[in-house]
Protein backbone atom coordinates (compact mmCIF):
# COMPACT_ATOMS: atom_id res chain seq x y z
CA UNK A 1 0.07 0.03 -0.09
CA UNK A 2 2.80 2.49 -0.23
CA UNK A 3 2.13 5.76 -1.64
CA UNK A 4 -1.81 5.39 -0.59
CA UNK A 5 -1.06 4.84 3.28
CA UNK A 6 0.80 7.64 5.35
CA UNK A 7 1.69 4.67 7.92
CA UNK A 8 2.97 2.03 5.20
CA UNK A 9 5.30 4.82 3.93
CA UNK A 10 6.49 5.55 7.50
CA UNK A 11 7.21 1.82 7.61
CA UNK A 12 8.88 1.76 4.44
CA UNK A 13 11.17 4.90 5.26
CA UNK A 14 9.41 7.02 2.74
CA UNK A 15 8.37 9.61 5.26
CA UNK A 16 10.36 10.46 8.44
CA UNK A 17 8.33 11.47 11.90
CA UNK A 18 9.43 12.89 14.93
CA UNK A 19 11.78 10.77 17.32
CA UNK A 20 12.97 7.46 17.06
CA UNK A 21 11.68 3.86 17.29
CA UNK A 22 10.79 3.23 20.51
CA UNK A 23 10.41 -0.66 20.26
CA UNK A 24 9.79 -2.80 17.14
CA UNK A 25 9.35 -6.35 16.39
CA UNK A 26 7.94 -8.52 13.20
CA UNK A 27 4.43 -7.11 13.99
CA UNK A 28 4.33 -3.75 15.37
CA UNK A 29 6.13 -0.41 15.68
CA UNK A 30 6.10 2.24 18.23
CA UNK A 31 7.00 5.58 18.03
CA UNK A 32 6.04 9.28 19.05
CA UNK A 33 3.43 11.24 17.23
CA UNK A 34 4.50 13.93 15.09
CA UNK A 35 3.78 17.49 14.93
CA UNK A 36 5.61 18.34 11.44
CA UNK A 37 7.89 20.59 13.01
CA UNK A 38 5.52 21.94 15.44
CA UNK A 39 5.71 21.30 19.43
CA UNK A 40 3.92 18.24 20.13
CA UNK A 41 2.42 16.69 23.94
CA UNK A 42 5.11 15.20 25.39
CA UNK A 43 4.79 11.18 25.46
CA UNK A 44 1.78 11.05 22.88
CA UNK A 45 3.03 7.29 21.20
CA UNK A 46 1.30 5.61 18.47
CA UNK A 47 1.51 2.03 18.25
CA UNK A 48 1.36 0.93 14.45
CA UNK A 49 0.50 -2.59 12.99
CA UNK A 50 3.00 -3.36 10.41
CA UNK A 51 0.74 -5.02 8.15
CA UNK A 52 -1.69 -2.78 6.41
CA UNK A 53 -5.22 -3.61 8.00
CA UNK A 54 -7.91 -1.16 8.86
CA UNK A 55 -8.95 -2.00 12.50
CA UNK A 56 -8.47 -3.98 15.64
CA UNK A 57 -10.74 -6.84 14.41
CA UNK A 58 -8.48 -7.47 11.19
CA UNK A 59 -5.29 -8.43 13.40
CA UNK A 60 -4.75 -11.94 13.32
CA UNK A 61 -3.79 -13.82 16.89
CA UNK A 62 -0.29 -13.33 16.71
CA UNK A 63 -0.54 -9.55 15.78
CA UNK A 64 -3.16 -9.18 18.55
CA UNK A 65 -0.66 -10.82 20.86
CA UNK A 66 1.78 -8.56 20.37
CA UNK A 67 -0.52 -5.62 19.93
CA UNK A 68 -1.68 -6.25 23.74
CA UNK A 69 1.96 -6.77 25.03
CA UNK A 70 3.45 -3.96 23.60
CA UNK A 71 0.47 -1.48 24.63
CA UNK A 72 1.09 -3.12 28.26
CA UNK A 73 5.08 -2.43 28.00
CA UNK A 74 4.95 1.08 26.86
CA UNK A 75 2.40 2.02 29.16
CA UNK A 76 4.35 0.34 31.98
CA UNK A 77 7.54 2.29 30.40
CA UNK A 78 5.97 5.89 30.50
CA UNK A 79 4.66 5.22 34.48
CA UNK A 80 7.99 4.03 35.54
CA UNK A 81 10.65 6.40 33.25
CA UNK A 82 8.27 9.61 32.64
CA UNK A 83 6.38 9.22 35.64
CA UNK A 84 2.96 9.26 34.35
CA UNK A 85 0.09 8.68 36.69
CA UNK A 86 -2.49 7.45 34.15
CA UNK A 87 -2.24 6.29 30.29
CA UNK A 88 -5.34 6.84 27.90
CA UNK A 89 -5.30 4.68 24.67
CA UNK A 90 -7.39 4.84 21.63
CA UNK A 91 -8.36 4.16 18.17
CA UNK A 92 -10.25 6.92 16.45
CA UNK A 93 -11.30 8.08 13.00
CA UNK A 94 -11.13 6.91 9.50
CA UNK A 95 -8.35 9.41 7.90
CA UNK A 96 -5.96 6.95 8.24
CA UNK A 97 -7.40 3.17 7.39
CA UNK A 98 -4.26 1.66 8.88
CA UNK A 99 -4.54 0.18 12.27
CA UNK A 100 -2.56 2.36 14.78
CA UNK A 101 -3.21 3.22 18.41
CA UNK A 102 -2.57 6.54 20.50
CA UNK A 103 -1.05 6.19 23.79
CA UNK A 104 -1.66 9.44 25.72
CA UNK A 105 0.22 9.93 29.48
CA UNK A 106 -1.46 12.13 32.17
CA UNK A 107 1.05 13.46 34.40
CA UNK A 108 0.92 14.44 37.77
CA UNK A 109 -0.28 18.06 38.58
CA UNK A 110 -2.90 18.09 35.28
CA UNK A 111 -6.16 19.47 37.04
CA UNK A 112 -8.97 17.00 36.54
CA UNK A 113 -10.47 19.57 34.05
CA UNK A 114 -7.79 18.47 31.71
CA UNK A 115 -8.17 14.68 32.35
CA UNK A 116 -8.88 12.73 28.88
CA UNK A 117 -6.65 11.70 25.83
CA UNK A 118 -7.58 14.91 24.18
CA UNK A 119 -8.33 17.26 27.11
CA UNK A 120 -4.81 16.95 28.27
CA UNK A 121 -4.01 18.84 25.22
CA UNK A 122 -6.02 21.54 26.32
CA UNK A 123 -4.18 22.44 29.49
CA UNK A 124 -2.04 25.51 29.35
CA UNK A 125 0.93 24.00 31.30
CA UNK A 126 0.60 20.89 29.08
CA UNK A 127 4.14 19.40 28.01
CA UNK A 128 4.11 20.87 24.52
CA UNK A 129 7.90 19.99 23.58
CA UNK A 130 9.79 20.42 20.50
CA UNK A 131 11.83 17.59 18.27
CA UNK A 132 15.12 17.12 20.28
CA UNK A 133 12.74 16.71 23.67
CA UNK A 134 10.75 14.04 21.53
CA UNK A 135 14.12 11.97 20.86
CA UNK A 136 15.38 12.18 24.10
CA UNK A 137 12.08 10.72 25.41
CA UNK A 138 12.17 8.15 22.51
CA UNK A 139 15.88 7.31 23.88
CA UNK A 140 14.66 6.92 27.54
CA UNK A 141 11.66 4.85 26.84
CA UNK A 142 13.62 2.74 24.08
CA UNK A 143 16.19 1.89 26.93
CA UNK A 144 13.40 0.68 29.49
CA UNK A 145 11.90 -1.13 26.74
CA UNK A 146 15.22 -3.18 25.88
CA UNK A 147 16.40 -3.54 29.15
CA UNK A 148 12.84 -4.79 30.42
CA UNK A 149 11.99 -7.03 27.64
CA UNK A 150 10.20 -9.97 29.91
CA UNK A 151 8.69 -7.24 32.37
């Protein structure tokens, strides 16, 4: 599906996004959301299914297992390394018909008014950061994921 799908293009190396790959195996890849050069919410990650498939129900058992384990591990990494107090996850929209799940941390001190996967962005003190901060976060999370493979 290269050329027709942003996520397929990303995995083929045709398209560059912010940060580096945090984790990858035969079935999935985890990276940071891209802001096209603009600041982004630090820790907003995306788990992509490598095979082009539109939704959760389209995964085979091996993909589903890898996806579920990756969700748990990267959520734990955000909690341990970045001290996130809660992790939101969601699959939404139809703009990109290739399965990808958003993982959004909520950090301590976030007022309850801004609790929610999109609401955290509205907080005036939300950790909106640049590409170098995103890369540093990716490096920290990758190190954790690499050293806690069986956690």
